[in-house]
C-alpha atoms as a PDB file:
ATOM      1  CA  MET A   1       0.000   0.000   0.000  1.00  0.00           C
ATOM      2  CA  GLU A   2       1.354   3.438  -0.977  1.00  0.00           C
ATOM      3  CA  LYS A   3       1.766   6.078   1.669  1.00  0.00           C
ATOM      4  CA  GLU A   4      -0.289   9.215   0.985  1.00  0.00           C
ATOM      5  CA  VAL A   5       1.807  12.350   0.766  1.00  0.00           C
ATOM      6  CA  ARG A   6       0.011  15.494   1.856  1.00  0.00           C
ATOM      7  CA  PRO A   7       1.426  19.008   1.727  1.00  0.00           C
ATOM      8  CA  LEU A   8       2.699  20.397   5.001  1.00  0.00           C
ATOM      9  CA  THR A   9       0.885  23.529   6.050  1.00  0.00           C
ATOM     10  CA  PHE A  10       1.832  25.900   8.822  1.00  0.00           C
ATOM     11  CA  THR A  11       1.500  29.606   9.442  1.00  0.00           C
ATOM     12  CA  VAL A  12       4.373  31.869  10.435  1.00  0.00           C
ATOM     13  CA  ASP A  13       2.773  34.594  12.543  1.00  0.00           C
ATOM     14  CA  PRO A  14       5.516  37.054  13.594  1.00  0.00           C
ATOM     15  CA  SER A  15       3.442  38.300  16.533  1.00  0.00           C
ATOM     16  CA  ASP A  16       3.031  34.790  18.028  1.00  0.00           C
ATOM     17  CA  TYR A  17       6.414  33.957  19.586  1.00  0.00           C
ATOM     18  CA  ASP A  18       5.090  30.800  21.250  1.00  0.00           C
ATOM     19  CA  GLY A  19       3.917  29.622  17.826  1.00  0.00           C
ATOM     20  CA  LEU A  20       7.275  30.502  16.254  1.00  0.00           C
ATOM     21  CA  ARG A  21       9.130  28.553  18.952  1.00  0.00           C
ATOM     22  CA  GLN A  22       6.799  25.589  18.410  1.00  0.00           C
ATOM     23  CA  ILE A  23       7.661  25.598  14.683  1.00  0.00           C
ATOM     24  CA  MET A  24      11.377  25.740  15.597  1.00  0.00           C
ATOM     25  CA  ASP A  25      10.931  22.793  17.957  1.00  0.00           C
ATOM     26  CA  GLU A  26       8.957  20.692  15.456  1.00  0.00           C
ATOM     27  CA  TYR A  27      10.821  21.489  12.217  1.00  0.00           C
ATOM     28  CA  GLY A  28      14.207  22.830  13.368  1.00  0.00           C
ATOM     29  CA  ASP A  29      16.054  19.737  12.190  1.00  0.00           C
ATOM     30  CA  SER A  30      14.669  20.018   8.662  1.00  0.00           C
ATOM     31  CA  GLU A  31      17.279  19.982   5.921  1.00  0.00           C
ATOM     32  CA  VAL A  32      14.976  21.469   3.307  1.00  0.00           C
ATOM     33  CA  SER A  33      13.230  24.804   2.944  1.00  0.00           C
ATOM     34  CA  PHE A  34       9.479  25.111   2.773  1.00  0.00           C
ATOM     35  CA  SER A  35       7.814  27.151   0.054  1.00  0.00           C
ATOM     36  CA  GLY A  36       4.436  28.715  -0.304  1.00  0.00           C
ATOM     37  CA  ASP A  37       2.570  31.970  -0.689  1.00  0.00           C
ATOM     38  CA  ASN A  38       1.843  34.725   1.769  1.00  0.00           C
ATOM     39  CA  GLU A  39      -1.412  36.643   2.243  1.00  0.00           C
ATOM     40  CA  ASN A  40      -0.405  38.937  -0.660  1.00  0.00           C
ATOM     41  CA  LEU A  41       0.083  35.917  -2.957  1.00  0.00           C
ATOM     42  CA  GLU A  42       3.865  36.522  -3.036  1.00  0.00           C
ATOM     43  CA  GLU A  43       6.182  33.513  -3.118  1.00  0.00           C
ATOM     44  CA  VAL A  44       7.972  32.776   0.167  1.00  0.00           C
ATOM     45  CA  MET A  45      10.753  30.373   1.133  1.00  0.00           C
ATOM     46  CA  ILE A  46      10.922  29.417   4.812  1.00  0.00           C
ATOM     47  CA  SER A  47      13.950  27.850   6.472  1.00  0.00           C
ATOM     48  CA  VAL A  48      13.569  26.577  10.017  1.00  0.00           C
ATOM     49  CA  ALA A  49      16.427  25.992  12.459  1.00  0.00           C
ATOM     50  CA  LYS A  50      16.348  25.322  16.201  1.00  0.00           C
ATOM     51  CA  ASP A  51      17.267  28.961  16.949  1.00  0.00           C
ATOM     52  CA  ARG A  52      15.524  30.919  14.159  1.00  0.00           C
ATOM     53  CA  ILE A  53      13.104  31.031  11.248  1.00  0.00           C
ATOM     54  CA  ASP A  54      14.148  32.745   8.008  1.00  0.00           C
ATOM     55  CA  VAL A  55      11.359  33.900   5.719  1.00  0.00           C
ATOM     56  CA  VAL A  56      12.450  35.096   2.276  1.00  0.00           C
ATOM     57  CA  THR A  57       9.706  36.903   0.377  1.00  0.00           C
ATOM     58  CA  PHE A  58       9.897  37.537  -3.348  1.00  0.00           C
ATOM     59  CA  GLN A  59       7.800  40.690  -3.256  1.00  0.00           C
ATOM     60  CA  SER A  60       5.526  41.720  -6.098  1.00  0.00           C
ATOM     61  CA  ASN A  61       7.494  44.995  -6.404  1.00  0.00           C
ATOM     62  CA  GLY A  62      10.580  42.994  -7.429  1.00  0.00           C
ATOM     63  CA  TRP A  63      12.466  43.232  -4.126  1.00  0.00           C
ATOM     64  CA  THR A  64      13.613  40.284  -2.017  1.00  0.00           C
ATOM     65  CA  ARG A  65      12.937  40.700   1.708  1.00  0.00           C
ATOM     66  CA  ARG A  66      14.366  38.422   4.419  1.00  0.00           C
ATOM     67  CA  ASN A  67      12.782  38.369   7.859  1.00  0.00           C
ATOM     68  CA  VAL A  68      14.636  36.490  10.588  1.00  0.00           C
ATOM     69  CA  TYR A  69      12.771  35.546  13.771  1.00  0.00           C
ATOM     70  CA  TRP A  70      15.146  34.452  16.559  1.00  0.00           C
ATOM     71  CA  ARG A  71      14.163  32.138  19.402  1.00  0.00           C
ATOM     72  CA  ASP A  72      14.921  34.866  21.969  1.00  0.00           C
ATOM     73  CA  GLY A  73      12.277  37.162  20.425  1.00  0.00           C
ATOM     74  CA  THR A  74      14.535  39.435  18.410  1.00  0.00           C
ATOM     75  CA  ARG A  75      13.873  39.924  14.721  1.00  0.00           C
ATOM     76  CA  GLU A  76      15.616  41.311  11.663  1.00  0.00           C
ATOM     77  CA  GLU A  77      14.326  42.620   8.349  1.00  0.00           C
ATOM     78  CA  LEU A  78      16.764  42.747   5.438  1.00  0.00           C
ATOM     79  CA  PHE A  79      16.292  43.792   1.832  1.00  0.00           C
ATOM     80  CA  GLU A  80      18.589  41.715  -0.345  1.00  0.00           C
ATOM     81  CA  GLY A  81      18.094  43.412  -3.697  1.00  0.00           C
ATOM     82  CA  LYS A  82      15.894  43.030  -6.724  1.00  0.00           C
ATOM     83  CA  TRP A  83      14.975  39.591  -8.001  1.00  0.00           C
ATOM     84  CA  LYS A  84      13.279  40.763 -11.177  1.00  0.00           C
END
């Protein structure tokens, strides 16, 4: 019998630090990035480590934005240039 593969779905809510830490605990050992769309239908790539979550957004205005959410509650927002 074949195992059914279903897409993994989770929400990264920057205001919910308990939720962010739970994602770090559950998926922090993942060796692959997760991809999806945000509420603005922009493509996002999410990397999860035990100490942080990196969310790279390919914004509709052509810019690439990286948000880093650290386990201790600090956060960073970086603009890494144009992607288109």
